Amino acid sequence: MISHPSRHCTVELQALPSRIGQVRRIVSAQLRYWHLDSLIDRAALGVTELLTNVHLHARPDKTCTVELELLLDRLTVSVRDHDPRLPVVDDADPLATCGRGLAMVAAMSESWGARPDGDSGKVVWFTLPATMATSEPFAAAHPPRRAVEETHARPFPEVEQVGPGRPQPAPARSAVAG
């Protein structure tokens, strides 16, 4: 099911390799529709990495929801799944062929994080500044930063990591084609 009011788009899917490529194309088309062409590459990369994590790690099933939300000058891309385990950024071995997805999301986004979603699930998200559609490159405009916050409004702590606060990983390819 796809719904897209003026500044909101939701896609429900099974995180399978063939579907991940379709969602990447949906994200690209939606950002073109919103005239945010300069965000397409980063948003498509980020959603690919988050959906690949669902495909590789989520239990009990691969059902998930991708949501794009444009509020003021910020695009938020989130992936909700049914696995309550929060993701962890690993320090991947330089020769490893996987394990860099969240580090890439952190490096290319303005902020990112993960939070529990009810009793059995989580939401992993990242943001991109939408005002940069006609401005200078993101890396020059925003120096790397990182923060960890806890909130006590929920029964579980919410973890937020902002910016690429660790050394940049070596370039890696996604395990999902499409």
N, C-alpha and C. Protein backbone atom coordinates (compact mmCIF):
# COMPACT_ATOMS: atom_id res chain seq x y z
N MET A 1 0.85 -1.18 0.00
CA MET A 1 0.00 0.00 0.00
C MET A 1 0.89 1.24 0.00
N ILE A 2 0.59 2.19 -0.86
CA ILE A 2 1.33 3.43 -0.94
C ILE A 2 0.36 4.58 -0.73
N SER A 3 0.68 5.45 0.20
CA SER A 3 -0.11 6.65 0.36
C SER A 3 0.84 7.83 0.37
N HIS A 4 0.45 8.93 -0.25
CA HIS A 4 1.35 10.07 -0.27
C HIS A 4 0.59 11.38 -0.33
N PRO A 5 0.10 11.82 0.84
CA PRO A 5 -0.40 13.19 0.90
C PRO A 5 0.76 14.14 0.57
N SER A 6 0.51 15.40 0.52
CA SER A 6 1.47 16.34 -0.03
C SER A 6 2.90 16.19 0.49
N ARG A 7 3.11 15.93 1.74
CA ARG A 7 4.47 15.87 2.28
C ARG A 7 4.70 14.62 3.12
N HIS A 8 4.05 13.54 2.76
CA HIS A 8 4.18 12.30 3.52
C HIS A 8 4.00 11.13 2.56
N CYS A 9 4.85 10.12 2.68
CA CYS A 9 4.74 8.95 1.83
C CYS A 9 5.07 7.72 2.67
N THR A 10 4.21 6.70 2.58
CA THR A 10 4.40 5.47 3.34
C THR A 10 4.32 4.28 2.40
N VAL A 11 5.27 3.34 2.56
CA VAL A 11 5.29 2.13 1.75
C VAL A 11 5.46 0.95 2.70
N GLU A 12 4.55 -0.01 2.62
CA GLU A 12 4.64 -1.24 3.41
C GLU A 12 5.15 -2.35 2.50
N LEU A 13 6.07 -3.19 3.01
CA LEU A 13 6.66 -4.21 2.15
C LEU A 13 7.30 -5.32 2.97
N GLN A 14 7.67 -6.37 2.26
CA GLN A 14 8.56 -7.41 2.78
C GLN A 14 9.96 -6.99 2.35
N ALA A 15 10.91 -6.94 3.26
CA ALA A 15 12.27 -6.49 2.94
C ALA A 15 13.04 -7.61 2.24
N LEU A 16 12.69 -7.82 0.99
CA LEU A 16 13.36 -8.79 0.14
C LEU A 16 14.17 -8.02 -0.90
N PRO A 17 15.27 -8.58 -1.40
CA PRO A 17 16.11 -7.83 -2.34
C PRO A 17 15.36 -7.19 -3.51
N SER A 18 14.43 -7.90 -4.12
CA SER A 18 13.69 -7.33 -5.25
C SER A 18 12.81 -6.16 -4.83
N ARG A 19 12.24 -6.23 -3.66
CA ARG A 19 11.38 -5.15 -3.15
C ARG A 19 12.20 -3.93 -2.74
N ILE A 20 13.41 -4.16 -2.26
CA ILE A 20 14.26 -3.04 -1.84
C ILE A 20 14.56 -2.13 -3.04
N GLY A 21 14.85 -2.72 -4.18
CA GLY A 21 15.07 -1.93 -5.39
C GLY A 21 13.84 -1.14 -5.79
N GLN A 22 12.65 -1.72 -5.65
CA GLN A 22 11.40 -1.03 -5.96
C GLN A 22 11.19 0.16 -5.02
N VAL A 23 11.46 -0.04 -3.74
CA VAL A 23 11.29 1.05 -2.77
C VAL A 23 12.27 2.18 -3.06
N ARG A 24 13.48 1.83 -3.44
CA ARG A 24 14.46 2.86 -3.80
C ARG A 24 13.93 3.71 -4.97
N ARG A 25 13.32 3.07 -5.94
CA ARG A 25 12.74 3.81 -7.07
C ARG A 25 11.55 4.67 -6.63
N ILE A 26 10.74 4.17 -5.70
CA ILE A 26 9.61 4.95 -5.17
C ILE A 26 10.13 6.18 -4.43
N VAL A 27 11.16 6.00 -3.60
CA VAL A 27 11.75 7.13 -2.87
C VAL A 27 12.27 8.17 -3.86
N SER A 28 12.97 7.73 -4.88
CA SER A 28 13.51 8.66 -5.89
C SER A 28 12.39 9.43 -6.58
N ALA A 29 11.33 8.74 -6.98
CA ALA A 29 10.21 9.39 -7.66
C ALA A 29 9.52 10.39 -6.74
N GLN A 30 9.34 10.02 -5.47
CA GLN A 30 8.67 10.93 -4.53
C GLN A 30 9.50 12.19 -4.31
N LEU A 31 10.81 12.04 -4.18
CA LEU A 31 11.66 13.22 -3.99
C LEU A 31 11.69 14.10 -5.24
N ARG A 32 11.62 13.49 -6.42
CA ARG A 32 11.51 14.30 -7.64
C ARG A 32 10.20 15.09 -7.64
N TYR A 33 9.12 14.44 -7.23
CA TYR A 33 7.81 15.08 -7.16
C TYR A 33 7.83 16.28 -6.20
N TRP A 34 8.56 16.14 -5.09
CA TRP A 34 8.69 17.23 -4.12
C TRP A 34 9.78 18.23 -4.53
N HIS A 35 10.39 18.06 -5.68
CA HIS A 35 11.47 18.93 -6.17
C HIS A 35 12.68 18.91 -5.25
N LEU A 36 13.01 17.74 -4.74
CA LEU A 36 14.17 17.55 -3.87
C LEU A 36 15.16 16.60 -4.54
N ASP A 37 15.42 16.84 -5.82
CA ASP A 37 16.29 15.97 -6.60
C ASP A 37 17.68 15.80 -5.98
N SER A 38 18.19 16.84 -5.34
CA SER A 38 19.54 16.76 -4.78
C SER A 38 19.63 15.80 -3.59
N LEU A 39 18.51 15.38 -3.04
CA LEU A 39 18.52 14.44 -1.91
C LEU A 39 18.36 12.99 -2.34
N ILE A 40 18.10 12.75 -3.60
CA ILE A 40 17.76 11.40 -4.07
C ILE A 40 18.86 10.39 -3.78
N ASP A 41 20.10 10.69 -4.12
CA ASP A 41 21.17 9.70 -3.94
C ASP A 41 21.34 9.32 -2.48
N ARG A 42 21.37 10.31 -1.60
CA ARG A 42 21.55 10.01 -0.17
C ARG A 42 20.35 9.29 0.42
N ALA A 43 19.14 9.72 0.07
CA ALA A 43 17.94 9.06 0.60
C ALA A 43 17.85 7.63 0.09
N ALA A 44 18.16 7.40 -1.19
CA ALA A 44 18.11 6.05 -1.74
C ALA A 44 19.17 5.15 -1.10
N LEU A 45 20.37 5.68 -0.89
CA LEU A 45 21.41 4.91 -0.20
C LEU A 45 20.98 4.56 1.22
N GLY A 46 20.49 5.55 1.95
CA GLY A 46 20.09 5.31 3.34
C GLY A 46 18.97 4.31 3.47
N VAL A 47 17.92 4.44 2.64
CA VAL A 47 16.81 3.50 2.74
C VAL A 47 17.25 2.11 2.32
N THR A 48 18.15 2.01 1.35
CA THR A 48 18.68 0.70 0.95
C THR A 48 19.40 0.04 2.11
N GLU A 49 20.24 0.78 2.80
CA GLU A 49 20.98 0.20 3.93
C GLU A 49 20.05 -0.21 5.06
N LEU A 50 19.05 0.61 5.39
CA LEU A 50 18.12 0.25 6.47
C LEU A 50 17.28 -0.96 6.10
N LEU A 51 16.82 -1.04 4.85
CA LEU A 51 16.04 -2.20 4.43
C LEU A 51 16.91 -3.46 4.33
N THR A 52 18.16 -3.30 3.95
CA THR A 52 19.07 -4.44 3.93
C THR A 52 19.25 -5.00 5.34
N ASN A 53 19.34 -4.11 6.33
CA ASN A 53 19.43 -4.57 7.72
C ASN A 53 18.19 -5.34 8.14
N VAL A 54 17.01 -4.88 7.73
CA VAL A 54 15.79 -5.63 8.04
C VAL A 54 15.86 -7.00 7.37
N HIS A 55 16.25 -7.03 6.10
CA HIS A 55 16.34 -8.30 5.37
C HIS A 55 17.31 -9.28 6.04
N LEU A 56 18.46 -8.76 6.49
CA LEU A 56 19.49 -9.63 7.06
C LEU A 56 19.26 -10.00 8.52
N HIS A 57 18.64 -9.10 9.31
CA HIS A 57 18.65 -9.29 10.75
C HIS A 57 17.29 -9.38 11.43
N ALA A 58 16.23 -8.86 10.84
CA ALA A 58 14.95 -8.76 11.56
C ALA A 58 14.31 -10.12 11.78
N ARG A 59 13.75 -10.26 12.96
CA ARG A 59 12.97 -11.44 13.33
C ARG A 59 11.72 -10.94 14.03
N PRO A 60 10.59 -11.51 13.95
CA PRO A 60 10.28 -12.82 13.39
C PRO A 60 10.01 -12.79 11.89
N ASP A 61 9.78 -11.62 11.31
CA ASP A 61 9.50 -11.58 9.88
C ASP A 61 10.18 -10.37 9.25
N LYS A 62 10.05 -10.25 7.96
CA LYS A 62 10.71 -9.17 7.20
C LYS A 62 9.73 -8.05 6.83
N THR A 63 8.54 -8.07 7.41
CA THR A 63 7.56 -7.03 7.12
C THR A 63 8.02 -5.72 7.72
N CYS A 64 7.94 -4.65 6.94
CA CYS A 64 8.35 -3.35 7.45
C CYS A 64 7.60 -2.24 6.73
N THR A 65 7.76 -1.04 7.25
CA THR A 65 7.14 0.15 6.68
C THR A 65 8.21 1.21 6.50
N VAL A 66 8.29 1.77 5.31
CA VAL A 66 9.19 2.88 5.02
C VAL A 66 8.34 4.14 5.00
N GLU A 67 8.81 5.18 5.68
CA GLU A 67 8.06 6.43 5.72
C GLU A 67 8.98 7.59 5.37
N LEU A 68 8.52 8.44 4.46
CA LEU A 68 9.20 9.70 4.13
C LEU A 68 8.32 10.82 4.67
N GLU A 69 8.93 11.75 5.38
CA GLU A 69 8.17 12.87 5.89
C GLU A 69 8.99 14.15 5.71
N LEU A 70 8.39 15.11 5.05
CA LEU A 70 9.04 16.40 4.83
C LEU A 70 8.35 17.43 5.69
N LEU A 71 9.08 17.92 6.69
CA LEU A 71 8.58 18.95 7.60
C LEU A 71 9.52 20.13 7.56
N LEU A 72 9.00 21.29 7.20
CA LEU A 72 9.78 22.51 7.10
C LEU A 72 10.99 22.29 6.22
N ASP A 73 12.18 22.25 6.79
CA ASP A 73 13.40 22.12 5.99
C ASP A 73 14.13 20.81 6.23
N ARG A 74 13.38 19.75 6.62
CA ARG A 74 14.02 18.49 6.97
C ARG A 74 13.23 17.30 6.42
N LEU A 75 13.96 16.41 5.75
CA LEU A 75 13.38 15.16 5.28
C LEU A 75 13.76 14.07 6.27
N THR A 76 12.77 13.36 6.78
CA THR A 76 13.03 12.22 7.66
C THR A 76 12.62 10.95 6.93
N VAL A 77 13.54 9.99 6.88
CA VAL A 77 13.28 8.68 6.28
C VAL A 77 13.36 7.68 7.42
N SER A 78 12.30 6.89 7.61
CA SER A 78 12.31 5.92 8.70
C SER A 78 11.85 4.56 8.20
N VAL A 79 12.37 3.53 8.87
CA VAL A 79 11.99 2.14 8.58
C VAL A 79 11.56 1.51 9.89
N ARG A 80 10.32 1.03 9.91
CA ARG A 80 9.73 0.39 11.10
C ARG A 80 9.64 -1.10 10.82
N ASP A 81 10.12 -1.94 11.75
CA ASP A 81 9.99 -3.38 11.60
C ASP A 81 9.49 -3.99 12.89
N HIS A 82 9.36 -5.31 12.93
CA HIS A 82 8.77 -6.00 14.08
C HIS A 82 9.80 -6.62 15.02
N ASP A 83 11.06 -6.31 14.83
CA ASP A 83 12.12 -6.84 15.68
C ASP A 83 12.49 -5.78 16.71
N PRO A 84 12.35 -6.06 18.01
CA PRO A 84 12.61 -5.03 19.03
C PRO A 84 14.09 -4.74 19.27
N ARG A 85 14.99 -5.55 18.72
CA ARG A 85 16.42 -5.33 18.96
C ARG A 85 16.89 -4.08 18.23
N LEU A 86 17.50 -3.15 18.97
CA LEU A 86 18.02 -1.94 18.36
C LEU A 86 19.33 -2.23 17.64
N PRO A 87 19.58 -1.56 16.53
CA PRO A 87 20.81 -1.81 15.78
C PRO A 87 22.03 -1.26 16.49
N VAL A 88 23.19 -1.82 16.17
CA VAL A 88 24.46 -1.39 16.75
C VAL A 88 25.42 -1.11 15.60
N VAL A 89 26.13 0.01 15.69
CA VAL A 89 27.15 0.33 14.69
C VAL A 89 28.40 -0.44 15.06
N ASP A 90 28.85 -1.30 14.16
CA ASP A 90 30.06 -2.09 14.39
C ASP A 90 31.25 -1.41 13.73
N ASP A 91 32.43 -1.65 14.28
CA ASP A 91 33.66 -1.25 13.62
C ASP A 91 34.06 -2.40 12.70
N ALA A 92 33.72 -2.26 11.44
CA ALA A 92 33.96 -3.34 10.48
C ALA A 92 35.45 -3.43 10.16
N ASP A 93 35.92 -4.64 9.99
CA ASP A 93 37.28 -4.89 9.55
C ASP A 93 37.47 -4.24 8.18
N PRO A 94 38.63 -3.66 7.90
CA PRO A 94 38.83 -2.99 6.59
C PRO A 94 38.56 -3.88 5.38
N LEU A 95 38.74 -5.19 5.52
CA LEU A 95 38.52 -6.09 4.39
C LEU A 95 37.15 -6.76 4.42
N ALA A 96 36.33 -6.43 5.42
CA ALA A 96 35.00 -7.04 5.53
C ALA A 96 34.12 -6.61 4.37
N THR A 97 33.23 -7.50 3.95
CA THR A 97 32.32 -7.20 2.85
C THR A 97 30.95 -6.73 3.35
N CYS A 98 30.77 -6.65 4.66
CA CYS A 98 29.51 -6.15 5.21
C CYS A 98 29.81 -5.50 6.57
N GLY A 99 28.80 -4.91 7.16
CA GLY A 99 28.97 -4.32 8.49
C GLY A 99 29.19 -2.82 8.49
N ARG A 100 29.03 -2.17 7.33
CA ARG A 100 29.25 -0.71 7.27
C ARG A 100 27.98 0.08 7.01
N GLY A 101 26.84 -0.57 6.93
CA GLY A 101 25.59 0.10 6.54
C GLY A 101 25.22 1.27 7.43
N LEU A 102 25.17 1.06 8.74
CA LEU A 102 24.80 2.15 9.64
C LEU A 102 25.86 3.23 9.69
N ALA A 103 27.13 2.85 9.54
CA ALA A 103 28.19 3.86 9.50
C ALA A 103 28.02 4.74 8.26
N MET A 104 27.60 4.15 7.14
CA MET A 104 27.34 4.95 5.94
C MET A 104 26.14 5.86 6.14
N VAL A 105 25.09 5.34 6.77
CA VAL A 105 23.92 6.17 7.06
C VAL A 105 24.33 7.35 7.94
N ALA A 106 25.14 7.09 8.96
CA ALA A 106 25.60 8.15 9.85
C ALA A 106 26.44 9.18 9.09
N ALA A 107 27.28 8.72 8.17
CA ALA A 107 28.18 9.61 7.44
C ALA A 107 27.44 10.50 6.45
N MET A 108 26.37 10.00 5.84
CA MET A 108 25.72 10.78 4.79
C MET A 108 24.50 11.55 5.28
N SER A 109 24.10 11.36 6.53
CA SER A 109 22.89 12.03 7.01
C SER A 109 23.24 13.15 7.98
N GLU A 110 22.25 13.99 8.22
CA GLU A 110 22.40 15.06 9.20
C GLU A 110 22.32 14.47 10.61
N SER A 111 21.40 13.53 10.81
CA SER A 111 21.26 12.83 12.07
C SER A 111 20.59 11.50 11.80
N TRP A 112 20.70 10.59 12.76
CA TRP A 112 20.06 9.29 12.62
C TRP A 112 19.86 8.72 14.01
N GLY A 113 19.03 7.71 14.12
CA GLY A 113 18.80 7.08 15.41
C GLY A 113 17.89 5.89 15.30
N ALA A 114 17.63 5.28 16.45
CA ALA A 114 16.74 4.13 16.54
C ALA A 114 15.99 4.24 17.86
N ARG A 115 14.75 3.79 17.85
CA ARG A 115 13.95 3.83 19.07
C ARG A 115 12.99 2.63 19.09
N PRO A 116 12.67 2.15 20.27
CA PRO A 116 11.67 1.08 20.35
C PRO A 116 10.33 1.60 19.82
N ASP A 117 9.55 0.69 19.26
CA ASP A 117 8.24 1.03 18.74
C ASP A 117 7.24 0.05 19.34
N GLY A 118 6.63 0.45 20.43
CA GLY A 118 5.69 -0.43 21.11
C GLY A 118 6.42 -1.57 21.80
N ASP A 119 5.70 -2.67 21.99
CA ASP A 119 6.27 -3.82 22.70
C ASP A 119 7.13 -4.71 21.81
N SER A 120 6.91 -4.66 20.51
CA SER A 120 7.64 -5.60 19.65
C SER A 120 7.99 -4.95 18.32
N GLY A 121 8.95 -4.10 18.35
CA GLY A 121 9.39 -3.48 17.11
C GLY A 121 10.30 -2.30 17.37
N LYS A 122 10.76 -1.71 16.29
CA LYS A 122 11.63 -0.54 16.39
C LYS A 122 11.47 0.31 15.15
N VAL A 123 11.96 1.54 15.25
CA VAL A 123 12.02 2.45 14.12
C VAL A 123 13.47 2.91 14.02
N VAL A 124 14.06 2.79 12.85
CA VAL A 124 15.40 3.32 12.58
C VAL A 124 15.19 4.42 11.54
N TRP A 125 15.79 5.57 11.77
CA TRP A 125 15.52 6.74 10.94
C TRP A 125 16.78 7.55 10.67
N PHE A 126 16.72 8.40 9.66
CA PHE A 126 17.77 9.38 9.42
C PHE A 126 17.13 10.63 8.82
N THR A 127 17.83 11.76 8.96
CA THR A 127 17.32 13.02 8.43
C THR A 127 18.32 13.61 7.44
N LEU A 128 17.77 14.36 6.50
CA LEU A 128 18.56 15.11 5.53
C LEU A 128 18.01 16.53 5.50
N PRO A 129 18.88 17.52 5.41
CA PRO A 129 18.39 18.90 5.34
C PRO A 129 17.80 19.18 3.96
N ALA A 130 16.53 19.54 3.92
CA ALA A 130 15.86 19.76 2.65
C ALA A 130 16.19 21.12 2.05
N THR A 131 16.72 22.03 2.82
CA THR A 131 17.05 23.36 2.30
C THR A 131 18.26 23.31 1.39
N MET A 132 19.01 22.21 1.44
CA MET A 132 20.22 22.15 0.63
C MET A 132 19.95 21.85 -0.83
N ALA A 133 18.70 21.82 -1.23
CA ALA A 133 18.36 21.50 -2.62
C ALA A 133 19.10 22.41 -3.60
N THR A 134 19.40 23.64 -3.19
CA THR A 134 20.12 24.55 -4.07
C THR A 134 21.33 25.16 -3.38
N SER A 135 21.77 24.62 -2.25
CA SER A 135 22.88 25.22 -1.53
C SER A 135 24.14 24.37 -1.64
N GLU A 136 25.14 24.71 -0.85
CA GLU A 136 26.44 24.05 -0.92
C GLU A 136 26.37 22.60 -0.46
N PRO A 137 27.41 21.81 -0.77
CA PRO A 137 27.42 20.40 -0.37
C PRO A 137 27.29 20.24 1.14
N PHE A 138 26.60 19.17 1.54
CA PHE A 138 26.33 18.92 2.96
C PHE A 138 27.59 18.85 3.80
N ALA A 139 28.60 18.16 3.35
CA ALA A 139 29.81 17.96 4.16
C ALA A 139 30.48 19.29 4.51
N ALA A 140 30.47 20.23 3.60
CA ALA A 140 31.09 21.52 3.88
C ALA A 140 30.24 22.36 4.82
N ALA A 141 28.93 22.19 4.76
CA ALA A 141 28.03 23.03 5.56
C ALA A 141 27.88 22.54 6.99
N HIS A 142 28.10 21.25 7.24
CA HIS A 142 27.85 20.68 8.56
C HIS A 142 29.04 19.85 9.02
N PRO A 143 29.80 20.31 10.00
CA PRO A 143 30.91 19.51 10.49
C PRO A 143 30.40 18.27 11.22
N PRO A 144 31.19 17.20 11.27
CA PRO A 144 30.77 15.98 11.96
C PRO A 144 30.49 16.23 13.43
N ARG A 145 29.42 15.58 13.95
CA ARG A 145 29.11 15.67 15.37
C ARG A 145 28.36 14.42 15.79
N ARG A 146 28.34 14.17 17.08
CA ARG A 146 27.68 12.98 17.60
C ARG A 146 27.15 13.26 18.98
N ALA A 147 25.99 12.75 19.28
CA ALA A 147 25.42 12.91 20.61
C ALA A 147 24.58 11.68 20.92
N VAL A 148 24.46 11.37 22.17
CA VAL A 148 23.61 10.28 22.62
C VAL A 148 22.65 10.87 23.63
N GLU A 149 21.37 10.62 23.45
CA GLU A 149 20.36 11.16 24.34
C GLU A 149 19.50 10.02 24.87
N GLU A 150 18.98 10.20 26.06
CA GLU A 150 18.00 9.28 26.60
C GLU A 150 16.75 10.07 26.91
N THR A 151 15.61 9.46 26.70
CA THR A 151 14.37 10.09 27.09
C THR A 151 13.65 9.14 28.02
N HIS A 152 12.98 9.67 29.02
CA HIS A 152 12.31 8.82 29.99
C HIS A 152 10.80 8.86 29.81
N ALA A 153 10.34 9.39 28.68
CA ALA A 153 8.91 9.43 28.40
C ALA A 153 8.38 8.07 27.99
N ARG A 154 9.25 7.16 27.62
CA ARG A 154 8.86 5.81 27.21
C ARG A 154 9.44 4.81 28.20
N PRO A 155 8.90 3.60 28.21
CA PRO A 155 9.45 2.59 29.12
C PRO A 155 10.86 2.14 28.72
N PHE A 156 11.28 2.41 27.48
CA PHE A 156 12.60 2.04 27.02
C PHE A 156 13.38 3.30 26.70
N PRO A 157 14.70 3.31 26.87
CA PRO A 157 15.46 4.49 26.47
C PRO A 157 15.48 4.62 24.96
N GLU A 158 15.46 5.85 24.48
CA GLU A 158 15.57 6.12 23.04
C GLU A 158 17.01 6.51 22.76
N VAL A 159 17.60 5.90 21.78
CA VAL A 159 18.99 6.17 21.45
C VAL A 159 19.01 7.04 20.21
N GLU A 160 19.75 8.11 20.27
CA GLU A 160 19.88 8.97 19.11
C GLU A 160 21.35 9.23 18.87
N GLN A 161 21.78 9.05 17.65
CA GLN A 161 23.15 9.35 17.28
C GLN A 161 23.06 10.41 16.20
N VAL A 162 23.76 11.50 16.41
CA VAL A 162 23.68 12.62 15.50
C VAL A 162 24.99 12.77 14.76
N GLY A 163 24.91 12.80 13.44
CA GLY A 163 26.08 13.06 12.60
C GLY A 163 27.06 11.92 12.56
N PRO A 164 28.06 12.09 11.75
CA PRO A 164 29.07 11.04 11.56
C PRO A 164 30.19 11.18 12.57
N GLY A 165 29.94 10.91 13.84
CA GLY A 165 30.88 11.15 14.92
C GLY A 165 32.02 10.17 15.03
N ARG A 166 32.22 9.32 14.10
CA ARG A 166 33.33 8.36 14.14
C ARG A 166 34.06 8.42 12.80
N PRO A 167 35.26 7.83 12.74
CA PRO A 167 36.00 7.88 11.47
C PRO A 167 35.18 7.34 10.32
N GLN A 168 35.35 7.93 9.16
CA GLN A 168 34.62 7.51 7.98
C GLN A 168 35.07 6.11 7.56
N PRO A 169 34.13 5.19 7.30
CA PRO A 169 34.52 3.85 6.85
C PRO A 169 34.95 3.89 5.39
N ALA A 170 35.66 2.84 5.00
CA ALA A 170 36.04 2.71 3.60
C ALA A 170 34.78 2.52 2.78
N PRO A 171 34.75 2.98 1.53
CA PRO A 171 33.56 2.80 0.70
C PRO A 171 33.21 1.33 0.59
N ALA A 172 31.92 1.03 0.62
CA ALA A 172 31.47 -0.34 0.50
C ALA A 172 30.22 -0.36 -0.36
N ARG A 173 29.94 -1.49 -0.95
CA ARG A 173 28.74 -1.66 -1.75
C ARG A 173 27.66 -2.32 -0.93
N SER A 174 26.44 -1.99 -1.22
CA SER A 174 25.33 -2.63 -0.58
C SER A 174 25.24 -4.07 -1.08
N ALA A 175 24.75 -4.95 -0.24
CA ALA A 175 24.58 -6.34 -0.63
C ALA A 175 23.34 -6.55 -1.50
N VAL A 176 22.55 -5.48 -1.67
CA VAL A 176 21.31 -5.61 -2.41
C VAL A 176 21.44 -4.91 -3.74
N ALA A 177 21.17 -5.64 -4.82
CA ALA A 177 21.22 -5.03 -6.16
C ALA A 177 19.85 -4.51 -6.53
N GLY A 178 19.80 -3.58 -7.48
CA GLY A 178 18.49 -3.15 -7.96
C GLY A 178 18.39 -1.74 -8.13
